[in-house]
Amino acid sequence: MKGCNTAVILAAGAGTRMKSEKPKVLHEVMGRPMVSHVIAQVRAGGAENIIVVVGHGSEKVTAALKEENVQFAVQTEQLGTGHAVMQAAEFLPEDGGVFVLCGDTPLVTADMLKEFAAYHEKSAGVLTVLTAGMDDPTGYGRIIRAEDGSLLKIVEQKDATEEERAVKEINSGMFCFDAAFLKESLPKLSNDNAQQEYYITDLVGMAVESGRGAAAWQTADPDAIMGVNNRVQLAKAGAVMRRRIVEKHMMAGVTMIDPDSVYIEDSVEIGPDTEIWPGVVLRGNTVIGSGCVIRKDTEITDSTIGDRVEIQRSVIKETKVGSMTTVGPFAYLRPGNVIGEDCRIGDFVEFKNSTFGDRSKASHLAYIGDGDVGTDCNIGCGVVFVNYDGKHKFRSTVGDRAFIGSNSNLVAPVSVQDDGYVAAGSTVTKEVHAGALYLERAEEKQLEGWVERKGLKRGE
């Protein structure tokens, strides 16, 4: 069996055309480093043993991939693609199949790699190169086939004849190898060329000359082999991936008012019959239920949104929002909140690290930080949960059916018991008993003639 259970991902290049201190493969497409996309897709495509060859910025790359469950090989000098694979030789199996892929090709897909591996398994050769057809193949190595369709050679453009340059099938730089052939042949690679580098493509000639044969498999999706070498190509790759993700959700029953204007990362889940309006950003491990309306310019990160929720022009981070709740416009839900069902979070309301019970309301201009609010409560306009004394954070607790009047301050730690009422303008520093009205206001005074005595009268 030649099924590809091992993958070598080349990620050692400096990427000078990116003009960045960050290693090229760590530049992000849709919220993840390019090389992380490749790792995820090749793993989903069947590879269990994944070796990443690092070089330029190796410490940064290995740190970024520490949770990816991969092995690392180090290429201290960048002496070509063949040299890079040589560094991974000790990790290669004795038999089976081996993918060789590029860490700067974030648009590869698991389905494509499965087809690629299946074709290699059925082929008679010891290696298969992944190819694509391009209307303008300028700059790419050309695939030259024998009369029977097998791979004869790969010719770089600078070495190609006029006839060979007319070929529109190009080399993607991705391969499937028989492991035994790869391990046996790597030490035979030579750097006897103008660049004095070791090229993985030279293995094609070895396979053909030895009579063991080589094959080429052409993908129907040229975008999938797109390499990223500069910021323009990075943006193009992002646009392709965004469109793929949006179309996947639309085919699953999600309405996109303007598909080209939204940013939705691949990790996001969205239920059917949800509407996504222009300018929406959905990131990280976000889950949105069914029948929701996410209106214009909303940003949601690492949050769970229930069914039939409506959100307008708001920012939500690391928060759980219950079904049938409305949020916004201009609400800010900072990390750590659990909002109940059928709640109302209105305009210019801010939450942080708080719980908010079912059917409770904070309709406008309130700050609820480090608070635990029960069910059926009303938080009035201008209410502030005063949670910080300059050194420490404290929590406030509000029981069920409580009413906190406008412009009140709850100075934590403090509690309002069930059915407790706080009159507007009060500063609460003591427990409000169940069913009681808490009223705290200074005596009203008017000092007649004060403006004239102070010489502050104007307009004369």
Protein backbone atom coordinates (compact mmCIF):
# COMPACT_ATOMS: atom_id res chain seq x y z
CA MET A 1 0.00 0.00 0.00
CA LYS A 2 1.27 3.46 -0.93
CA GLY A 3 -1.31 5.53 0.98
CA CYS A 4 0.41 8.60 2.37
CA ASN A 5 0.56 8.26 6.14
CA THR A 6 3.57 10.60 6.49
CA ALA A 7 4.00 14.22 5.43
CA VAL A 8 7.05 16.46 5.21
CA ILE A 9 6.14 20.16 5.18
CA LEU A 10 8.83 22.55 4.01
CA ALA A 11 8.79 25.66 6.20
CA ALA A 12 12.40 26.81 6.40
CA GLY A 13 12.45 29.70 3.93
CA ALA A 14 13.09 33.29 4.95
CA GLY A 15 10.37 34.77 2.75
CA THR A 16 12.31 37.93 2.01
CA ARG A 17 9.60 39.22 -0.32
CA MET A 18 7.21 39.45 2.63
CA LYS A 19 9.53 42.18 4.01
CA SER A 20 8.83 41.09 7.56
CA GLU A 21 10.66 39.98 10.69
CA LYS A 22 8.07 37.22 11.02
CA PRO A 23 8.89 33.90 9.28
CA LYS A 24 6.86 33.64 6.09
CA VAL A 25 4.89 30.53 7.07
CA LEU A 26 3.62 32.27 10.23
CA HIS A 27 1.85 35.02 8.31
CA GLU A 28 -1.86 34.45 8.86
CA VAL A 29 -4.64 33.66 6.46
CA MET A 30 -8.11 33.83 8.04
CA GLY A 31 -6.75 33.90 11.58
CA ARG A 32 -4.23 31.04 11.37
CA PRO A 33 -0.60 30.80 10.23
CA MET A 34 -0.28 29.51 6.68
CA VAL A 35 1.61 26.43 7.81
CA SER A 36 -1.13 25.59 10.34
CA HIS A 37 -3.63 25.39 7.48
CA VAL A 38 -1.34 22.96 5.66
CA ILE A 39 -0.90 20.83 8.79
CA ALA A 40 -4.64 20.68 9.42
CA GLN A 41 -5.48 19.72 5.84
CA VAL A 42 -2.77 17.09 5.45
CA ARG A 43 -3.80 15.53 8.75
CA ALA A 44 -7.43 15.44 7.60
CA GLY A 45 -6.12 14.02 4.32
CA GLY A 46 -4.71 10.94 6.06
CA ALA A 47 -1.20 11.76 7.32
CA GLU A 48 -0.62 10.89 10.96
CA ASN A 49 3.15 11.42 11.06
CA ILE A 50 3.90 15.05 10.17
CA ILE A 51 7.41 16.51 10.00
CA VAL A 52 7.86 20.26 9.63
CA VAL A 53 11.27 21.34 8.30
CA VAL A 54 12.17 24.66 9.92
CA GLY A 55 15.09 27.00 9.32
CA HIS A 56 14.69 30.77 9.20
CA GLY A 57 13.11 31.86 12.48
CA SER A 58 12.96 28.25 13.64
CA GLU A 59 12.37 29.15 17.29
CA LYS A 60 9.35 31.27 16.38
CA VAL A 61 7.94 28.58 14.11
CA THR A 62 8.35 25.76 16.62
CA ALA A 63 6.83 27.92 19.37
CA ALA A 64 3.83 28.76 17.20
CA LEU A 65 3.27 25.09 16.36
CA LYS A 66 3.90 23.61 19.81
CA GLU A 67 0.27 22.43 20.13
CA GLU A 68 0.13 20.94 16.62
CA ASN A 69 1.54 17.49 17.49
CA VAL A 70 4.21 17.52 14.81
CA GLN A 71 7.93 16.68 14.68
CA PHE A 72 10.55 19.20 13.67
CA ALA A 73 13.62 18.85 11.48
CA VAL A 74 16.05 21.77 11.27
CA GLN A 75 17.60 23.02 8.04
CA THR A 76 20.39 25.28 9.23
CA GLU A 77 21.36 26.27 5.69
CA GLN A 78 18.74 26.72 2.99
CA LEU A 79 20.31 24.70 0.17
CA GLY A 80 17.22 23.78 -1.82
CA THR A 81 14.09 21.68 -1.53
CA GLY A 82 15.95 18.39 -1.77
CA HIS A 83 18.28 19.46 1.01
CA ALA A 84 15.27 20.38 3.14
CA VAL A 85 13.75 16.90 2.76
CA MET A 86 17.14 15.36 3.58
CA GLN A 87 16.89 16.91 7.04
CA ALA A 88 13.71 14.91 7.66
CA ALA A 89 15.18 11.59 6.53
CA GLU A 90 15.53 10.18 10.05
CA PHE A 91 11.78 10.57 10.60
CA LEU A 92 10.71 8.83 7.38
CA PRO A 93 9.14 5.35 7.48
CA GLU A 94 10.65 2.35 5.70
CA ASP A 95 7.59 1.86 3.51
CA GLY A 96 4.24 3.44 2.73
CA GLY A 97 3.71 6.82 1.14
CA VAL A 98 5.10 10.27 1.96
CA PHE A 99 3.64 13.65 1.08
CA VAL A 100 6.11 16.46 0.48
CA LEU A 101 4.26 19.78 0.73
CA CYS A 102 5.03 23.48 1.07
CA GLY A 103 4.27 25.46 4.22
CA ASP A 104 3.31 28.55 2.21
CA THR A 105 0.37 26.94 0.35
CA PRO A 106 -2.54 27.55 2.75
CA LEU A 107 -5.26 26.72 0.20
CA VAL A 108 -4.54 22.98 -0.03
CA THR A 109 -7.56 20.90 0.94
CA ALA A 110 -7.94 17.50 2.57
CA ASP A 111 -10.17 16.28 -0.26
CA MET A 112 -7.59 17.21 -2.86
CA LEU A 113 -4.81 15.48 -0.92
CA LYS A 114 -6.92 12.33 -0.55
CA GLU A 115 -7.48 12.24 -4.32
CA PHE A 116 -3.79 12.88 -4.87
CA ALA A 117 -2.76 10.02 -2.58
CA ALA A 118 -5.32 7.68 -4.15
CA TYR A 119 -3.97 8.43 -7.63
CA HIS A 120 -0.42 7.79 -6.45
CA GLU A 121 -1.46 4.50 -4.89
CA LYS A 122 -2.96 3.30 -8.20
CA SER A 123 -0.04 4.54 -10.30
CA ALA A 124 2.85 2.36 -11.35
CA GLY A 125 5.47 4.92 -10.40
CA VAL A 126 7.44 5.53 -7.21
CA LEU A 127 6.54 9.22 -7.13
CA THR A 128 3.67 11.42 -8.23
CA VAL A 129 3.81 15.18 -8.62
CA LEU A 130 0.75 17.37 -8.07
CA THR A 131 0.15 19.66 -11.05
CA ALA A 132 -2.31 22.30 -12.18
CA GLY A 133 -3.29 23.85 -15.47
CA MET A 134 -2.73 27.60 -15.78
CA ASP A 135 -3.60 30.01 -18.58
CA ASP A 136 -0.41 31.90 -17.77
CA PRO A 137 2.24 29.45 -16.54
CA THR A 138 5.03 32.05 -16.52
CA GLY A 139 7.57 31.41 -13.78
CA TYR A 140 6.52 27.83 -13.04
CA GLY A 141 8.27 24.57 -13.87
CA ARG A 142 6.54 22.79 -16.79
CA ILE A 143 5.29 19.21 -16.67
CA ILE A 144 6.59 17.20 -19.62
CA ARG A 145 4.75 13.93 -20.13
CA ALA A 146 5.61 10.87 -22.17
CA GLU A 147 3.25 9.62 -24.89
CA ASP A 148 1.56 7.25 -22.43
CA GLY A 149 0.80 10.19 -20.06
CA SER A 150 3.43 9.28 -17.48
CA LEU A 151 5.71 11.98 -16.13
CA LEU A 152 8.87 12.32 -18.17
CA LYS A 153 10.47 15.34 -16.53
CA ILE A 154 9.93 18.75 -14.94
CA VAL A 155 11.60 21.63 -16.76
CA GLU A 156 12.15 24.99 -15.11
CA GLN A 157 11.17 27.95 -17.26
CA LYS A 158 14.71 29.24 -17.61
CA ASP A 159 15.80 25.85 -19.00
CA ALA A 160 12.73 25.20 -21.18
CA THR A 161 12.61 25.26 -24.96
CA GLU A 162 9.98 27.35 -26.75
CA GLU A 163 7.88 24.21 -27.21
CA GLU A 164 8.19 23.33 -23.51
CA ARG A 165 7.32 26.88 -22.44
CA ALA A 166 4.04 26.55 -24.31
CA VAL A 167 2.97 23.77 -21.91
CA LYS A 168 0.33 25.06 -19.50
CA GLU A 169 0.56 22.23 -16.94
CA ILE A 170 2.80 23.36 -14.10
CA ASN A 171 4.61 21.85 -11.12
CA SER A 172 3.00 22.70 -7.77
CA GLY A 173 6.06 21.65 -5.75
CA MET A 174 3.97 18.98 -3.97
CA PHE A 175 4.72 15.26 -4.23
CA CYS A 176 3.73 11.80 -3.13
CA PHE A 177 6.67 9.40 -2.80
CA ASP A 178 7.11 5.76 -2.04
CA ALA A 179 8.99 6.01 1.25
CA ALA A 180 11.59 3.36 0.31
CA PHE A 181 12.45 5.15 -2.94
CA LEU A 182 12.65 8.53 -1.20
CA LYS A 183 14.99 7.29 1.55
CA GLU A 184 17.17 5.47 -0.95
CA SER A 185 17.38 8.38 -3.40
CA LEU A 186 17.84 11.43 -1.17
CA PRO A 187 21.57 10.74 -0.58
CA LYS A 188 22.07 10.57 -4.36
CA LEU A 189 20.91 14.12 -4.99
CA SER A 190 23.60 16.44 -6.34
CA ASN A 191 24.06 20.19 -6.11
CA ASP A 192 25.95 20.29 -9.40
CA ASN A 193 23.97 23.17 -10.85
CA ALA A 194 24.17 26.94 -11.21
CA GLN A 195 22.54 27.56 -7.82
CA GLN A 196 24.54 24.80 -6.09
CA GLU A 197 21.34 23.57 -4.45
CA TYR A 198 19.72 20.17 -4.05
CA TYR A 199 16.37 19.99 -5.86
CA ILE A 200 13.58 17.56 -5.01
CA THR A 201 12.54 17.66 -8.67
CA ASP A 202 15.76 15.82 -9.59
CA LEU A 203 14.16 12.70 -8.11
CA VAL A 204 11.82 12.62 -11.11
CA GLY A 205 14.75 11.93 -13.41
CA MET A 206 16.09 9.25 -11.07
CA ALA A 207 12.72 7.49 -11.02
CA VAL A 208 12.36 7.57 -14.80
CA GLU A 209 15.96 6.56 -15.55
CA SER A 210 15.79 3.65 -13.09
CA GLY A 211 12.69 2.34 -14.87
CA ARG A 212 10.52 2.63 -11.78
CA GLY A 213 8.51 5.46 -13.28
CA ALA A 214 6.89 8.71 -12.20
CA ALA A 215 3.37 10.05 -12.51
CA ALA A 216 1.63 13.42 -12.51
CA TRP A 217 -1.85 14.19 -11.19
CA GLN A 218 -3.56 17.42 -12.20
CA THR A 219 -5.92 19.07 -9.73
CA ALA A 220 -9.10 20.68 -11.02
CA ASP A 221 -8.62 23.58 -8.57
CA PRO A 222 -5.55 25.68 -9.42
CA ASP A 223 -6.22 27.92 -6.41
CA ALA A 224 -5.40 25.00 -4.13
CA ILE A 225 -1.73 25.04 -5.06
CA MET A 226 -1.29 28.83 -4.79
CA GLY A 227 1.98 29.70 -3.07
CA VAL A 228 2.31 32.87 -1.02
CA ASN A 229 5.51 34.86 -1.39
CA ASN A 230 4.42 38.45 -0.76
CA ARG A 231 1.63 40.48 0.85
CA VAL A 232 -0.33 40.74 -2.40
CA GLN A 233 -0.47 36.95 -2.70
CA LEU A 234 -1.30 36.72 1.01
CA ALA A 235 -4.36 38.89 0.43
CA LYS A 236 -5.36 36.85 -2.62
CA ALA A 237 -5.12 33.62 -0.63
CA GLY A 238 -7.26 35.18 2.09
CA ALA A 239 -9.89 36.20 -0.44
CA VAL A 240 -10.09 32.68 -1.88
CA MET A 241 -10.37 31.10 1.57
CA ARG A 242 -13.00 33.62 2.71
CA ARG A 243 -15.12 32.81 -0.31
CA ARG A 244 -14.79 29.06 0.30
CA ILE A 245 -15.90 29.44 3.91
CA VAL A 246 -18.83 31.72 3.08
CA GLU A 247 -20.06 29.40 0.33
CA LYS A 248 -19.85 26.41 2.68
CA HIS A 249 -22.16 28.19 5.14
CA MET A 250 -24.55 29.36 2.42
CA MET A 251 -24.87 25.80 1.13
CA ALA A 252 -25.68 24.74 4.71
CA GLY A 253 -28.60 27.17 4.94
CA VAL A 254 -27.06 30.44 6.13
CA THR A 255 -28.09 33.68 4.42
CA MET A 256 -25.29 36.11 3.57
CA ILE A 257 -26.63 39.55 2.63
CA ASP A 258 -23.31 40.53 1.04
CA PRO A 259 -20.93 37.53 0.95
CA ASP A 260 -17.91 39.55 -0.16
CA SER A 261 -18.06 41.90 2.84
CA VAL A 262 -17.95 39.40 5.72
CA TYR A 263 -14.99 37.81 7.50
CA ILE A 264 -15.70 34.34 8.90
CA GLU A 265 -12.91 32.03 10.03
CA ASP A 266 -13.07 28.33 9.22
CA SER A 267 -13.45 27.35 12.88
CA VAL A 268 -16.83 29.15 13.14
CA GLU A 269 -20.10 27.17 13.20
CA ILE A 270 -23.40 28.74 12.11
CA GLY A 271 -26.87 27.21 12.26
CA PRO A 272 -29.38 27.24 9.40
CA ASP A 273 -31.73 30.16 8.77
CA THR A 274 -29.30 32.61 10.36
CA GLU A 275 -28.75 35.90 8.51
CA ILE A 276 -25.29 37.46 8.36
CA TRP A 277 -25.26 41.14 7.37
CA PRO A 278 -22.44 43.15 5.72
CA GLY A 279 -19.32 43.93 7.71
CA VAL A 280 -19.72 41.08 10.19
CA VAL A 281 -16.55 39.50 11.66
CA LEU A 282 -16.78 36.01 13.21
CA ARG A 283 -13.56 34.63 14.67
CA GLY A 284 -12.09 31.73 16.63
CA ASN A 285 -14.21 29.06 18.27
CA THR A 286 -17.51 30.84 17.74
CA VAL A 287 -20.78 28.93 17.49
CA ILE A 288 -23.95 30.68 16.32
CA GLY A 289 -27.32 28.98 16.56
CA SER A 290 -30.24 28.78 14.16
CA GLY A 291 -32.53 31.62 13.13
CA CYS A 292 -30.23 34.39 14.36
CA VAL A 293 -29.78 37.82 12.81
CA ILE A 294 -26.23 39.16 13.05
CA ARG A 295 -26.54 42.70 11.79
CA LYS A 296 -24.01 45.03 10.22
CA ASP A 297 -20.55 45.64 11.71
CA THR A 298 -20.83 43.11 14.55
CA GLU A 299 -17.65 41.33 15.72
CA ILE A 300 -17.89 38.03 17.65
CA THR A 301 -14.85 36.10 18.90
CA ASP A 302 -14.69 32.75 20.74
CA SER A 303 -18.33 32.99 21.80
CA THR A 304 -21.47 30.84 21.78
CA ILE A 305 -24.69 32.42 20.57
CA GLY A 306 -28.02 30.60 21.08
CA ASP A 307 -30.95 30.31 18.68
CA ARG A 308 -33.03 33.26 17.45
CA VAL A 309 -30.63 35.87 18.83
CA GLU A 310 -30.42 39.31 17.24
CA ILE A 311 -27.19 41.31 17.52
CA GLN A 312 -26.69 44.84 16.18
CA ARG A 313 -23.34 46.63 15.74
CA SER A 314 -21.77 45.09 18.84
CA VAL A 315 -18.52 43.45 19.97
CA ILE A 316 -18.73 40.11 21.82
CA LYS A 317 -15.72 38.20 23.16
CA GLU A 318 -15.58 34.89 25.04
CA THR A 319 -19.22 35.13 26.05
CA LYS A 320 -22.22 32.81 26.01
CA VAL A 321 -25.48 34.42 24.91
CA GLY A 322 -28.74 32.54 25.47
CA SER A 323 -31.49 32.02 22.92
CA MET A 324 -33.97 34.79 22.00
CA THR A 325 -31.75 37.50 23.51
CA THR A 326 -31.15 40.81 21.76
CA VAL A 327 -27.83 42.64 21.93
CA GLY A 328 -26.97 46.17 20.86
CA PRO A 329 -26.55 48.39 19.06
CA PHE A 330 -23.10 49.34 20.34
CA ALA A 331 -22.94 46.86 23.22
CA TYR A 332 -19.55 45.56 24.36
CA LEU A 333 -19.47 42.11 25.93
CA ARG A 334 -15.92 41.55 27.19
CA PRO A 335 -14.67 38.07 28.15
CA GLY A 336 -16.23 35.87 30.78
CA ASN A 337 -19.98 36.50 30.52
CA VAL A 338 -22.94 34.13 30.55
CA ILE A 339 -26.08 35.88 29.34
CA GLY A 340 -29.40 34.08 29.82
CA GLU A 341 -32.31 33.55 27.47
CA ASP A 342 -34.76 36.24 26.33
CA CYS A 343 -32.58 39.02 27.74
CA ARG A 344 -32.22 42.57 26.50
CA ILE A 345 -28.72 44.04 26.27
CA GLY A 346 -29.17 47.54 24.85
CA ASP A 347 -27.10 50.33 23.43
CA PHE A 348 -23.80 51.29 25.08
CA VAL A 349 -24.05 48.53 27.69
CA GLU A 350 -20.78 46.89 28.74
CA PHE A 351 -20.41 43.50 30.42
CA LYS A 352 -17.30 41.88 31.86
CA ASN A 353 -16.99 38.55 33.69
CA SER A 354 -20.65 38.53 34.70
CA THR A 355 -23.74 36.35 34.67
CA PHE A 356 -27.14 37.70 33.64
CA GLY A 357 -30.29 35.68 34.30
CA ASP A 358 -33.12 34.84 31.93
CA ARG A 359 -35.43 37.70 30.89
CA SER A 360 -33.29 40.34 32.59
CA LYS A 361 -32.74 43.72 30.93
CA ALA A 362 -30.00 46.31 30.74
CA SER A 363 -31.48 48.54 28.07
CA HIS A 364 -28.87 51.30 27.83
CA LEU A 365 -25.75 52.96 29.20
CA ALA A 366 -24.76 50.55 31.97
CA TYR A 367 -21.56 48.84 33.12
CA ILE A 368 -21.92 45.37 34.64
CA GLY A 369 -18.50 44.12 35.70
CA ASP A 370 -17.91 41.12 38.00
CA GLY A 371 -21.62 40.86 38.67
CA ASP A 372 -24.13 38.05 39.13
CA VAL A 373 -27.61 39.18 38.17
CA GLY A 374 -30.65 36.95 38.65
CA THR A 375 -33.73 36.41 36.49
CA ASP A 376 -36.34 39.03 35.54
CA CYS A 377 -34.19 41.95 36.69
CA ASN A 378 -34.08 45.49 35.35
CA ILE A 379 -30.79 47.40 35.29
CA GLY A 380 -31.52 51.07 34.65
CA CYS A 381 -29.77 53.64 32.51
CA GLY A 382 -26.41 54.80 33.87
CA VAL A 383 -26.02 51.98 36.43
CA VAL A 384 -22.44 51.08 37.31
CA PHE A 385 -21.24 47.95 39.06
CA VAL A 386 -18.25 49.47 40.89
CA ASN A 387 -15.98 46.43 41.01
CA TYR A 388 -12.45 47.83 41.51
CA ASP A 389 -10.93 49.65 44.48
CA GLY A 390 -7.61 50.35 42.78
CA LYS A 391 -5.99 47.11 43.92
CA HIS A 392 -8.56 44.32 43.87
CA LYS A 393 -11.70 43.29 42.00
CA PHE A 394 -14.90 42.45 43.91
CA ARG A 395 -18.25 40.99 42.86
CA SER A 396 -21.79 42.28 43.21
CA THR A 397 -24.83 40.01 43.43
CA VAL A 398 -28.34 40.97 42.36
CA GLY A 399 -31.18 38.55 43.14
CA ASP A 400 -34.22 37.62 41.06
CA ARG A 401 -36.78 40.28 40.09
CA ALA A 402 -34.61 43.10 41.44
CA PHE A 403 -34.80 46.65 40.07
CA ILE A 404 -31.73 48.88 39.97
CA GLY A 405 -32.80 52.48 39.25
CA SER A 406 -31.05 54.81 36.83
CA ASN A 407 -27.67 56.35 37.76
CA SER A 408 -27.15 54.02 40.70
CA ASN A 409 -23.79 52.62 41.81
CA LEU A 410 -23.35 49.16 43.33
CA VAL A 411 -20.07 49.38 45.24
CA ALA A 412 -18.74 45.82 45.46
CA PRO A 413 -18.72 43.65 47.40
CA VAL A 414 -22.45 44.15 47.86
CA SER A 415 -25.69 42.28 47.27
CA VAL A 416 -29.28 43.10 46.40
CA GLN A 417 -31.63 40.35 47.52
CA ASP A 418 -34.65 38.99 45.60
CA ASP A 419 -37.27 41.62 44.81
CA GLY A 420 -34.98 44.37 46.14
CA TYR A 421 -35.42 47.86 44.67
CA VAL A 422 -32.74 50.54 44.44
CA ALA A 423 -34.03 54.06 43.88
CA ALA A 424 -32.52 56.14 41.07
CA GLY A 425 -29.34 58.00 41.95
CA SER A 426 -28.41 55.79 44.92
CA THR A 427 -24.93 54.60 45.82
CA VAL A 428 -25.30 51.14 47.38
CA THR A 429 -22.68 50.09 49.92
CA LYS A 430 -24.86 47.87 52.14
CA GLU A 431 -26.98 44.81 51.48
CA VAL A 432 -30.43 45.57 50.07
CA HIS A 433 -32.91 43.28 51.81
CA ALA A 434 -35.48 41.16 50.00
CA GLY A 435 -38.51 43.22 49.06
CA ALA A 436 -37.01 46.47 50.40
CA LEU A 437 -36.51 49.84 48.72
CA TYR A 438 -32.99 51.20 49.12
CA LEU A 439 -32.88 54.99 48.90
CA GLU A 440 -29.65 56.94 49.35
CA ARG A 441 -29.63 60.63 48.47
CA ALA A 442 -28.16 63.71 50.09
CA GLU A 443 -30.48 66.48 51.31
CA GLU A 444 -31.34 68.85 48.49
CA LYS A 445 -30.19 72.46 48.86
CA GLN A 446 -30.46 75.61 46.72
CA LEU A 447 -28.17 78.51 47.55
CA GLU A 448 -30.03 81.50 46.17
CA GLY A 449 -27.91 84.26 44.59
CA TRP A 450 -24.77 82.09 44.61
CA VAL A 451 -23.81 82.86 40.97
CA GLU A 452 -24.00 86.63 41.51
CA ARG A 453 -22.02 86.50 44.76
CA LYS A 454 -19.27 84.51 43.04
CA GLY A 455 -19.09 86.96 40.18
CA LEU A 456 -19.98 84.26 37.66
CA LYS A 457 -22.98 85.97 36.08
CA ARG A 458 -22.49 86.21 32.32
CA GLY A 459 -23.89 88.25 29.47
CA GLU A 460 -23.54 91.69 31.09
